[in-house]
Amino acid sequence: MTIVPGTPVKLPNGRDGVVVPAPFCARDRVLVKVKSGKKSWFSVDDCTPTFSAH
């Protein structure tokens, strides 16, 4: 599954975050911004996409 910028995800530590555009392409890794504003790199396999029903 492809995770694109703007996708809300659940991280392995239980926190929620949003995938943001990365300054460079990293194979099998995505840059995620968590609620506190901190950005961290995570493996695509560690991020579980979450979808809210509207």
N, C-alpha and C. Protein backbone atom coordinates (compact mmCIF):
# COMPACT_ATOMS: atom_id res chain seq x y z
N MET A 1 0.84 -1.19 0.00
CA MET A 1 0.00 0.00 0.00
C MET A 1 0.88 1.24 0.00
N THR A 2 0.51 2.22 -0.80
CA THR A 2 1.25 3.46 -0.88
C THR A 2 0.69 4.47 0.11
N ILE A 3 1.57 5.06 0.88
CA ILE A 3 1.17 6.11 1.82
C ILE A 3 1.65 7.43 1.24
N VAL A 4 0.72 8.34 0.99
CA VAL A 4 1.05 9.62 0.36
C VAL A 4 0.92 10.74 1.40
N PRO A 5 1.56 11.89 1.15
CA PRO A 5 1.42 13.03 2.07
C PRO A 5 -0.04 13.38 2.31
N GLY A 6 -0.36 13.65 3.55
CA GLY A 6 -1.73 13.98 3.93
C GLY A 6 -2.48 12.80 4.53
N THR A 7 -1.90 11.61 4.47
CA THR A 7 -2.55 10.41 5.01
C THR A 7 -2.41 10.37 6.52
N PRO A 8 -3.52 10.29 7.27
CA PRO A 8 -3.42 10.13 8.72
C PRO A 8 -2.98 8.70 9.04
N VAL A 9 -2.05 8.54 9.98
CA VAL A 9 -1.53 7.22 10.32
C VAL A 9 -1.47 7.01 11.82
N LYS A 10 -1.49 5.74 12.23
CA LYS A 10 -1.29 5.34 13.62
C LYS A 10 0.13 4.80 13.69
N LEU A 11 0.94 5.31 14.63
CA LEU A 11 2.33 4.92 14.76
C LEU A 11 2.49 3.75 15.72
N PRO A 12 3.63 3.06 15.67
CA PRO A 12 3.84 1.89 16.54
C PRO A 12 3.75 2.21 18.03
N ASN A 13 4.04 3.45 18.42
CA ASN A 13 3.97 3.83 19.83
C ASN A 13 2.56 4.24 20.25
N GLY A 14 1.59 4.10 19.35
CA GLY A 14 0.20 4.40 19.67
C GLY A 14 -0.23 5.82 19.35
N ARG A 15 0.71 6.67 18.96
CA ARG A 15 0.37 8.06 18.66
C ARG A 15 -0.19 8.18 17.25
N ASP A 16 -0.95 9.24 17.04
CA ASP A 16 -1.48 9.55 15.72
C ASP A 16 -0.59 10.59 15.06
N GLY A 17 -0.51 10.53 13.75
CA GLY A 17 0.27 11.50 13.01
C GLY A 17 -0.24 11.63 11.59
N VAL A 18 0.37 12.54 10.85
CA VAL A 18 0.00 12.78 9.46
C VAL A 18 1.29 12.75 8.63
N VAL A 19 1.26 12.02 7.51
CA VAL A 19 2.41 11.97 6.63
C VAL A 19 2.55 13.32 5.95
N VAL A 20 3.77 13.86 5.97
CA VAL A 20 4.05 15.16 5.36
C VAL A 20 5.06 14.98 4.23
N PRO A 21 5.10 15.93 3.29
CA PRO A 21 6.08 15.83 2.20
C PRO A 21 7.51 15.89 2.77
N ALA A 22 8.35 15.00 2.29
CA ALA A 22 9.73 14.94 2.75
C ALA A 22 10.63 15.78 1.85
N PRO A 23 11.71 16.35 2.42
CA PRO A 23 12.63 17.16 1.62
C PRO A 23 13.42 16.31 0.60
N PHE A 24 13.49 15.01 0.84
CA PHE A 24 14.15 14.10 -0.10
C PHE A 24 13.45 12.75 -0.01
N CYS A 25 13.59 11.95 -1.03
CA CYS A 25 12.93 10.66 -1.09
C CYS A 25 13.76 9.61 -0.35
N ALA A 26 13.15 8.93 0.57
CA ALA A 26 13.82 7.86 1.31
C ALA A 26 13.05 6.57 1.04
N ARG A 27 13.74 5.57 0.58
CA ARG A 27 13.10 4.31 0.23
C ARG A 27 12.49 3.64 1.47
N ASP A 28 11.22 3.30 1.39
CA ASP A 28 10.49 2.59 2.44
C ASP A 28 10.40 3.36 3.76
N ARG A 29 10.56 4.68 3.72
CA ARG A 29 10.43 5.50 4.92
C ARG A 29 9.56 6.71 4.59
N VAL A 30 8.80 7.18 5.58
CA VAL A 30 7.97 8.37 5.40
C VAL A 30 8.22 9.32 6.56
N LEU A 31 8.04 10.60 6.29
CA LEU A 31 8.17 11.63 7.32
C LEU A 31 6.79 11.89 7.90
N VAL A 32 6.67 11.73 9.22
CA VAL A 32 5.37 11.86 9.89
C VAL A 32 5.44 12.99 10.90
N LYS A 33 4.41 13.84 10.87
CA LYS A 33 4.29 14.93 11.84
C LYS A 33 3.26 14.51 12.88
N VAL A 34 3.68 14.50 14.15
CA VAL A 34 2.77 14.14 15.24
C VAL A 34 2.11 15.40 15.80
N LYS A 35 1.16 15.21 16.68
CA LYS A 35 0.35 16.32 17.20
C LYS A 35 1.18 17.43 17.82
N SER A 36 2.30 17.08 18.46
CA SER A 36 3.14 18.09 19.12
C SER A 36 3.89 18.96 18.12
N GLY A 37 3.87 18.58 16.84
CA GLY A 37 4.55 19.35 15.81
C GLY A 37 5.90 18.77 15.41
N LYS A 38 6.35 17.77 16.16
CA LYS A 38 7.63 17.13 15.86
C LYS A 38 7.49 16.22 14.63
N LYS A 39 8.51 16.23 13.79
CA LYS A 39 8.53 15.38 12.60
C LYS A 39 9.55 14.28 12.80
N SER A 40 9.17 13.05 12.45
CA SER A 40 10.07 11.91 12.60
C SER A 40 9.91 10.98 11.41
N TRP A 41 10.99 10.24 11.11
CA TRP A 41 10.96 9.26 10.03
C TRP A 41 10.50 7.92 10.59
N PHE A 42 9.61 7.25 9.85
CA PHE A 42 9.13 5.92 10.22
C PHE A 42 9.13 5.03 8.99
N SER A 43 9.27 3.74 9.22
CA SER A 43 9.16 2.76 8.15
C SER A 43 7.71 2.72 7.67
N VAL A 44 7.51 2.52 6.39
CA VAL A 44 6.15 2.43 5.84
C VAL A 44 5.41 1.26 6.50
N ASP A 45 6.12 0.18 6.80
CA ASP A 45 5.49 -0.99 7.41
C ASP A 45 5.03 -0.72 8.85
N ASP A 46 5.63 0.26 9.52
CA ASP A 46 5.26 0.59 10.90
C ASP A 46 4.05 1.51 10.99
N CYS A 47 3.70 2.18 9.90
CA CYS A 47 2.58 3.13 9.89
C CYS A 47 1.31 2.45 9.39
N THR A 48 0.26 2.56 10.18
CA THR A 48 -1.04 2.02 9.81
C THR A 48 -1.95 3.15 9.42
N PRO A 49 -2.38 3.22 8.15
CA PRO A 49 -3.28 4.30 7.75
C PRO A 49 -4.59 4.24 8.52
N THR A 50 -5.07 5.39 8.97
CA THR A 50 -6.37 5.48 9.64
C THR A 50 -7.26 6.35 8.81
N PHE A 51 -8.51 5.97 8.75
CA PHE A 51 -9.47 6.73 7.96
C PHE A 51 -10.65 7.05 8.83
N SER A 52 -11.05 8.30 8.83
CA SER A 52 -12.21 8.69 9.61
C SER A 52 -13.44 8.69 8.73
N ALA A 53 -14.56 8.23 9.28
CA ALA A 53 -15.80 8.19 8.53
C ALA A 53 -16.51 9.54 8.66
N HIS A 54 -16.69 10.19 7.54
CA HIS A 54 -17.37 11.50 7.55
C HIS A 54 -18.70 11.35 6.88
